[in-house]
Amino acid sequence: MAFFKPSADPVSNKNVARLQALIWVLIYGGLLTLVLGLSVQRTDDAIGWSMVVAGGVVAAVGFALIYVRSRINVGP
């Protein structure tokens, strides 16, 4: 019983492949910046909060691009 099945059509468009790579970089980079901002906040409140906000915005953009990617039709 396979829950995650490989897709029938692999991504053939290089732009879509780049978009997928960008999505994961934005999500992981944003979340890492957010967590580092929480850590920095203990010593410098202003820099910590700016890192938290910037990381949250970057991660949110990555999550929004997941929706954009789901709407892209990759032709044969």
Protein backbone atom coordinates (compact mmCIF):
# COMPACT_ATOMS: atom_id res chain seq x y z
CA MET A 1 0.00 0.00 0.00
CA ALA A 2 1.87 3.04 -1.27
CA PHE A 3 0.58 6.34 0.00
CA PHE A 4 3.02 8.47 -1.97
CA LYS A 5 2.92 7.34 -5.56
CA PRO A 6 5.35 8.72 -8.12
CA SER A 7 3.73 11.05 -10.59
CA ALA A 8 2.94 9.69 -14.01
CA ASP A 9 4.51 12.68 -15.75
CA PRO A 10 7.83 13.88 -14.40
CA VAL A 11 8.50 17.59 -14.63
CA SER A 12 9.72 18.22 -18.15
CA ASN A 13 9.80 21.98 -18.10
CA LYS A 14 13.02 23.45 -16.70
CA ASN A 15 11.22 26.58 -15.49
CA VAL A 16 8.85 24.49 -13.39
CA ALA A 17 11.78 22.53 -11.97
CA ARG A 18 13.50 25.80 -11.03
CA LEU A 19 10.28 27.01 -9.42
CA GLN A 20 10.09 23.85 -7.33
CA ALA A 21 13.69 24.29 -6.19
CA LEU A 22 13.03 27.96 -5.37
CA ILE A 23 9.97 27.02 -3.32
CA TRP A 24 11.95 24.72 -1.04
CA VAL A 25 14.81 27.19 -0.68
CA LEU A 26 12.35 29.92 0.34
CA ILE A 27 10.52 27.72 2.82
CA TYR A 28 13.57 26.27 4.52
CA GLY A 29 15.54 29.51 4.40
CA GLY A 30 12.63 31.48 5.80
CA LEU A 31 12.01 29.05 8.63
CA LEU A 32 15.71 28.93 9.48
CA THR A 33 15.87 32.74 9.57
CA LEU A 34 12.76 32.81 11.74
CA VAL A 35 14.26 30.41 14.28
CA LEU A 36 17.60 32.23 14.28
CA GLY A 37 15.71 35.47 14.84
CA LEU A 38 14.04 33.98 17.89
CA SER A 39 17.47 33.05 19.20
CA VAL A 40 19.00 36.47 18.46
CA GLN A 41 16.02 38.17 20.07
CA ARG A 42 17.37 37.21 23.51
CA THR A 43 20.38 39.49 23.06
CA ASP A 44 19.11 42.18 20.66
CA ASP A 45 15.37 42.65 20.49
CA ALA A 46 15.21 44.84 17.38
CA ILE A 47 17.40 42.65 15.17
CA GLY A 48 15.68 39.51 16.45
CA TRP A 49 12.20 40.75 15.60
CA SER A 50 13.30 41.94 12.16
CA MET A 51 14.76 38.50 11.45
CA VAL A 52 11.57 36.81 12.67
CA VAL A 53 9.40 39.00 10.46
CA ALA A 54 11.67 38.64 7.42
CA GLY A 55 11.88 34.86 7.84
CA GLY A 56 8.12 34.58 8.24
CA VAL A 57 7.51 36.62 5.10
CA VAL A 58 10.00 34.58 3.06
CA ALA A 59 8.48 31.29 4.26
CA ALA A 60 4.97 32.60 3.50
CA VAL A 61 6.06 33.46 -0.05
CA GLY A 62 7.37 29.91 -0.42
CA PHE A 63 4.08 28.47 0.77
CA ALA A 64 2.16 30.76 -1.59
CA LEU A 65 4.31 29.55 -4.48
CA ILE A 66 3.20 26.00 -3.72
CA TYR A 67 -0.32 27.10 -4.66
CA VAL A 68 1.01 28.81 -7.80
CA ARG A 69 2.87 25.63 -8.77
CA SER A 70 -0.28 23.56 -8.32
CA ARG A 71 -2.04 25.73 -10.89
CA ILE A 72 0.64 25.43 -13.57
CA ASN A 73 -0.23 22.97 -16.34
CA VAL A 74 2.81 21.14 -17.62
CA GLY A 75 2.13 20.06 -21.17
CA PRO A 76 3.41 16.84 -22.72
